[in-house]
Amino acid sequence: MNNPPCKVMRPSDEQASYNAAITANPDNERKAAPGGRHKRSVGIWSRFWGNGQVLNITFTNELPPGLKDRIERLIRQWEPSTNLTFTFDDNEPGHIRITTHGQYNESFIGTDALLVPLDQPTLSLGTVPEHPHFDAAVFHEFGHALGLEHEHQHPKADIPWDKPEVYAFYKANYLWTEEEIDHNLLNKLPIDDVLHGPYDRDSIMHYKIANELTLGDWEVGDNLRISKLDRRNMRRAYPKAMPTVES
C-alpha cells in the first residue's frame, strides 16, 4: 500500500511569502538580537496563522463515504492545542484545501497557503486511507498546514546522516532531486526559530529514519501520534488568552 514521504511545498515568491505571513500574524516576524541585523530570507520568518483565526478547511475532490468525517476528526485533534477555530464548510472558500489524490504527502507551511489559487489544493495526501499510517500522515501534513516544520531538521538534531546513502535512497525510490532531499531532510532550520526548544525524536513532524541511512547505530521509528512537545509548540505558536481575574 502506498505510503510516500512528505514533501514541503514552497511558494515561488519569497517576498510574497513574507508579506502574507506578516500580514496574517505580525508575530511571525523574527526579532533581531540586540545590536544584530534582521535578515529577510528563507526560513527567517514564521508562517503561523493569526491568533484566534477561524480556519476553513475544504476538499478539492469527492471523498468516499466516511472518509471526510475521518479526516475531520483527525485534524480536530490539533485544535485543542491552539487558539484557532476549525470549520469545514464547503460553501465557503477554504484557507486550507485538501486533496486525497496526491502522489506524495505534501503541504504548504501555514500562511504560504494564502498564495495558492483558490481552485488548487494546499495540502495533498498520497497515503491511501487503507494504510495503517494514514492517520499519522494526516496529523503530519496538517501540522505543516498550521505552520510547523520538519522536526528532523531541528538545529539541535545531530543526526549522523550517511548522505550518499540518503541521496541514493530518495533518488531511487521517489525520484527526488538532491535539492528536494536537502530541503526536506538534510538542511537544518534557523537557530532563531521561535519554537525551538528541545529536539523531539517522538514528534509527529519527524521522518522515520532507517539505520541504513545513518552512520553507526542510529534510527527513528514510525511516530504515529501527536507528541507532548508537538502540543507544547502549538500552544506557544497559538497561545490562548489568560483568564481574567476579578478583583
Protein backbone atom coordinates (compact mmCIF):
# COMPACT_ATOMS: atom_id res chain seq x y z
CA MET A 1 0.00 0.00 0.00
CA ASN A 2 1.12 3.50 -0.82
CA ASN A 3 2.86 5.47 1.95
CA PRO A 4 5.03 8.16 0.30
CA PRO A 5 7.22 10.53 2.33
CA CYS A 6 6.28 14.13 2.97
CA LYS A 7 7.42 16.96 0.73
CA VAL A 8 7.10 20.55 1.91
CA MET A 9 5.63 22.72 -0.84
CA ARG A 10 7.18 26.15 -1.30
CA PRO A 11 5.81 29.29 -2.95
CA SER A 12 7.83 30.67 -5.83
CA ASP A 13 7.92 34.21 -4.43
CA GLU A 14 9.76 34.54 -1.11
CA GLN A 15 8.80 38.18 -0.65
CA ALA A 16 5.12 37.31 -1.15
CA SER A 17 5.52 34.55 1.44
CA TYR A 18 6.98 37.02 3.92
CA ASN A 19 4.27 39.61 3.23
CA ALA A 20 1.46 37.06 3.66
CA ALA A 21 2.92 35.77 6.92
CA ILE A 22 3.41 39.20 8.49
CA THR A 23 0.00 40.45 7.35
CA ALA A 24 -1.72 37.39 8.83
CA ASN A 25 0.24 37.50 12.08
CA PRO A 26 2.76 40.28 12.92
CA ASP A 27 4.36 37.93 15.48
CA ASN A 28 5.71 35.90 12.54
CA GLU A 29 8.49 38.42 12.06
CA ARG A 30 11.66 37.30 13.77
CA LYS A 31 13.19 39.87 16.05
CA ALA A 32 16.90 40.53 15.64
CA ALA A 33 19.11 40.11 18.67
CA PRO A 34 20.20 43.38 20.35
CA GLY A 35 22.74 45.02 18.09
CA GLY A 36 22.08 42.41 15.42
CA ARG A 37 20.79 42.82 11.93
CA HIS A 38 17.40 41.49 10.90
CA LYS A 39 17.63 39.45 7.70
CA ARG A 40 14.67 38.65 5.47
CA SER A 41 15.43 35.42 3.68
CA VAL A 42 14.23 31.83 3.51
CA GLY A 43 13.29 30.48 6.92
CA ILE A 44 13.76 33.73 8.82
CA TRP A 45 10.07 34.32 9.36
CA SER A 46 7.40 32.01 10.78
CA ARG A 47 4.20 31.24 8.91
CA PHE A 48 1.63 30.87 11.68
CA TRP A 49 -1.96 31.95 11.16
CA GLY A 50 -3.41 34.90 13.03
CA ASN A 51 -4.21 34.38 16.69
CA GLY A 52 -7.84 33.46 17.20
CA GLN A 53 -8.42 32.99 13.47
CA VAL A 54 -11.18 30.83 12.05
CA LEU A 55 -9.64 28.44 9.51
CA ASN A 56 -12.00 26.93 6.98
CA ILE A 57 -10.90 23.55 5.63
CA THR A 58 -12.30 22.17 2.38
CA PHE A 59 -11.67 19.30 -0.03
CA THR A 60 -10.91 19.62 -3.74
CA ASN A 61 -12.11 16.13 -4.70
CA GLU A 62 -15.07 13.96 -3.86
CA LEU A 63 -14.40 11.63 -0.92
CA PRO A 64 -15.81 8.16 -0.25
CA PRO A 65 -18.47 7.93 2.48
CA GLY A 66 -16.98 8.35 5.92
CA LEU A 67 -13.51 9.45 4.78
CA LYS A 68 -14.25 13.16 5.06
CA ASP A 69 -15.53 12.68 8.62
CA ARG A 70 -12.46 10.59 9.47
CA ILE A 71 -10.06 13.27 8.22
CA GLU A 72 -12.00 15.98 10.06
CA ARG A 73 -11.80 14.03 13.33
CA LEU A 74 -8.04 13.64 12.89
CA ILE A 75 -7.49 17.31 12.08
CA ARG A 76 -9.52 18.38 15.09
CA GLN A 77 -7.05 16.61 17.37
CA TRP A 78 -4.77 19.61 16.78
CA GLU A 79 -7.46 22.17 17.65
CA PRO A 80 -7.40 22.00 21.50
CA SER A 81 -3.69 22.94 21.48
CA THR A 82 -4.35 26.20 19.59
CA ASN A 83 -6.44 29.34 19.88
CA LEU A 84 -7.81 28.70 16.38
CA THR A 85 -11.27 27.55 15.33
CA PHE A 86 -11.58 24.95 12.56
CA THR A 87 -14.62 24.90 10.27
CA PHE A 88 -15.41 22.52 7.42
CA ASP A 89 -17.78 24.49 5.20
CA ASP A 90 -17.71 23.58 1.52
CA ASN A 91 -19.88 26.60 0.72
CA GLU A 92 -17.07 28.98 1.71
CA PRO A 93 -13.53 29.32 0.32
CA GLY A 94 -11.04 27.13 2.15
CA HIS A 95 -7.96 28.57 3.80
CA ILE A 96 -6.61 25.01 3.68
CA ARG A 97 -7.75 22.87 0.75
CA ILE A 98 -7.10 19.14 0.81
CA THR A 99 -6.86 16.60 -1.97
CA THR A 100 -6.65 12.86 -1.31
CA HIS A 101 -5.40 12.19 -4.85
CA GLY A 102 -1.81 13.21 -4.25
CA GLN A 103 1.32 11.46 -5.48
CA TYR A 104 3.08 12.50 -2.27
CA ASN A 105 2.10 13.71 1.16
CA GLU A 106 2.63 17.45 0.69
CA SER A 107 1.63 20.71 2.31
CA PHE A 108 2.44 24.37 2.19
CA ILE A 109 3.65 25.72 5.52
CA GLY A 110 0.96 27.76 7.30
CA THR A 111 0.22 31.11 5.66
CA ASP A 112 2.02 30.15 2.45
CA ALA A 113 -1.34 28.56 1.58
CA LEU A 114 -2.67 32.10 1.06
CA LEU A 115 -0.54 32.37 -2.10
CA VAL A 116 -2.18 29.35 -3.78
CA PRO A 117 -5.06 29.92 -6.28
CA LEU A 118 -8.41 29.02 -4.72
CA ASP A 119 -9.04 26.24 -7.22
CA GLN A 120 -5.86 24.39 -6.20
CA PRO A 121 -5.12 22.26 -3.12
CA THR A 122 -2.74 23.47 -0.41
CA LEU A 123 -2.39 20.04 1.24
CA SER A 124 -2.08 16.72 -0.55
CA LEU A 125 -2.48 13.23 0.90
CA GLY A 126 -0.69 10.48 -1.02
CA THR A 127 -1.07 7.77 1.62
CA VAL A 128 -4.14 5.66 0.87
CA PRO A 129 -6.82 5.52 3.61
CA GLU A 130 -6.34 1.74 3.98
CA HIS A 131 -2.70 2.18 5.01
CA PRO A 132 -2.04 1.73 8.76
CA HIS A 133 -0.13 5.05 8.78
CA PHE A 134 -2.84 7.12 7.07
CA ASP A 135 -3.86 8.82 10.33
CA ALA A 136 -0.24 9.77 11.01
CA ALA A 137 0.05 11.24 7.52
CA VAL A 138 -2.96 13.46 8.19
CA PHE A 139 -1.54 14.57 11.56
CA HIS A 140 1.84 15.35 9.97
CA GLU A 141 0.57 17.27 6.95
CA PHE A 142 -1.88 19.32 8.98
CA GLY A 143 0.95 20.16 11.37
CA HIS A 144 2.65 21.75 8.36
CA ALA A 145 -0.60 23.49 7.42
CA LEU A 146 -0.60 25.08 10.89
CA GLY A 147 2.98 26.30 10.45
CA LEU A 148 5.19 23.52 11.87
CA GLU A 149 8.39 22.46 10.10
CA HIS A 150 10.11 19.06 10.00
CA GLU A 151 11.46 18.05 13.38
CA HIS A 152 14.40 16.09 11.95
CA GLN A 153 15.65 19.46 10.67
CA HIS A 154 15.70 20.92 14.18
CA PRO A 155 19.01 22.84 14.67
CA LYS A 156 19.84 20.62 17.64
CA ALA A 157 19.08 17.37 15.84
CA ASP A 158 22.58 15.99 15.36
CA ILE A 159 21.54 13.14 13.12
CA PRO A 160 24.57 11.23 11.78
CA TRP A 161 23.29 11.12 8.21
CA ASP A 162 25.06 8.91 5.70
CA LYS A 163 24.49 11.47 2.97
CA PRO A 164 25.47 9.32 -0.04
CA GLU A 165 23.01 6.65 1.14
CA VAL A 166 20.28 9.26 1.75
CA TYR A 167 20.69 10.71 -1.75
CA ALA A 168 20.75 7.27 -3.34
CA PHE A 169 17.69 6.04 -1.42
CA TYR A 170 15.42 9.00 -2.16
CA LYS A 171 16.53 9.27 -5.76
CA ALA A 172 15.95 5.57 -6.43
CA ASN A 173 12.67 5.19 -4.55
CA TYR A 174 10.98 8.58 -5.04
CA LEU A 175 12.92 10.25 -7.89
CA TRP A 176 13.73 13.22 -5.66
CA THR A 177 16.43 15.63 -6.73
CA GLU A 178 19.33 16.49 -4.42
CA GLU A 179 17.73 19.90 -3.86
CA GLU A 180 14.47 18.24 -2.74
CA ILE A 181 16.38 15.89 -0.44
CA ASP A 182 18.33 18.76 1.08
CA HIS A 183 15.18 20.84 1.58
CA ASN A 184 13.10 18.09 3.17
CA LEU A 185 15.73 16.16 5.13
CA LEU A 186 19.25 17.46 5.45
CA ASN A 187 19.11 21.25 5.75
CA LYS A 188 18.79 22.43 9.34
CA LEU A 189 16.29 25.14 10.27
CA PRO A 190 17.48 28.54 11.51
CA ILE A 191 18.68 28.51 15.10
CA ASP A 192 16.46 31.52 15.92
CA ASP A 193 13.17 29.73 15.24
CA VAL A 194 10.71 30.94 17.88
CA LEU A 195 9.55 27.42 18.73
CA HIS A 196 12.90 25.73 19.09
CA GLY A 197 13.01 24.06 22.46
CA PRO A 198 14.36 20.53 22.92
CA TYR A 199 14.69 18.29 19.89
CA ASP A 200 11.83 15.79 19.89
CA ARG A 201 12.50 12.36 18.39
CA ASP A 202 8.86 11.44 19.12
CA SER A 203 7.39 14.34 17.12
CA ILE A 204 4.72 13.61 14.54
CA MET A 205 6.71 16.04 12.37
CA HIS A 206 9.76 13.72 12.35
CA TYR A 207 10.55 11.43 9.42
CA LYS A 208 11.07 7.77 10.05
CA ILE A 209 14.84 7.29 9.67
CA ALA A 210 16.20 3.84 8.89
CA ASN A 211 19.50 2.71 10.36
CA GLU A 212 20.78 2.20 6.81
CA LEU A 213 20.61 5.96 6.19
CA THR A 214 22.82 6.90 9.13
CA LEU A 215 26.34 6.26 10.34
CA GLY A 216 26.65 3.92 13.30
CA ASP A 217 23.61 2.67 15.19
CA TRP A 218 21.02 5.46 14.88
CA GLU A 219 17.39 5.33 13.80
CA VAL A 220 13.90 6.71 14.48
CA GLY A 221 10.83 4.57 14.04
CA ASP A 222 7.33 5.47 12.94
CA ASN A 223 5.85 8.28 15.02
CA LEU A 224 2.09 7.82 14.74
CA ARG A 225 0.65 10.32 17.23
CA ILE A 226 0.96 14.00 18.11
CA SER A 227 3.60 14.20 20.83
CA LYS A 228 3.55 16.22 24.06
CA LEU A 229 6.21 18.55 22.68
CA ASP A 230 4.22 18.97 19.45
CA ARG A 231 1.31 20.20 21.55
CA ARG A 232 3.57 22.47 23.57
CA ASN A 233 4.86 24.04 20.36
CA MET A 234 1.30 24.57 19.13
CA ARG A 235 0.40 26.29 22.40
CA ARG A 236 3.44 28.56 22.01
CA ALA A 237 2.53 29.38 18.41
CA TYR A 238 -1.15 29.96 19.21
CA PRO A 239 -1.30 30.95 22.90
CA LYS A 240 -4.71 31.06 24.48
CA ALA A 241 -5.71 34.18 26.37
CA MET A 242 -5.14 34.02 30.10
CA PRO A 243 -8.41 34.14 32.08
CA THR A 244 -9.05 37.46 33.71
CA VAL A 245 -9.14 37.53 37.48
CA GLU A 246 -11.79 39.74 39.02
CA SER A 247 -10.55 41.92 41.84
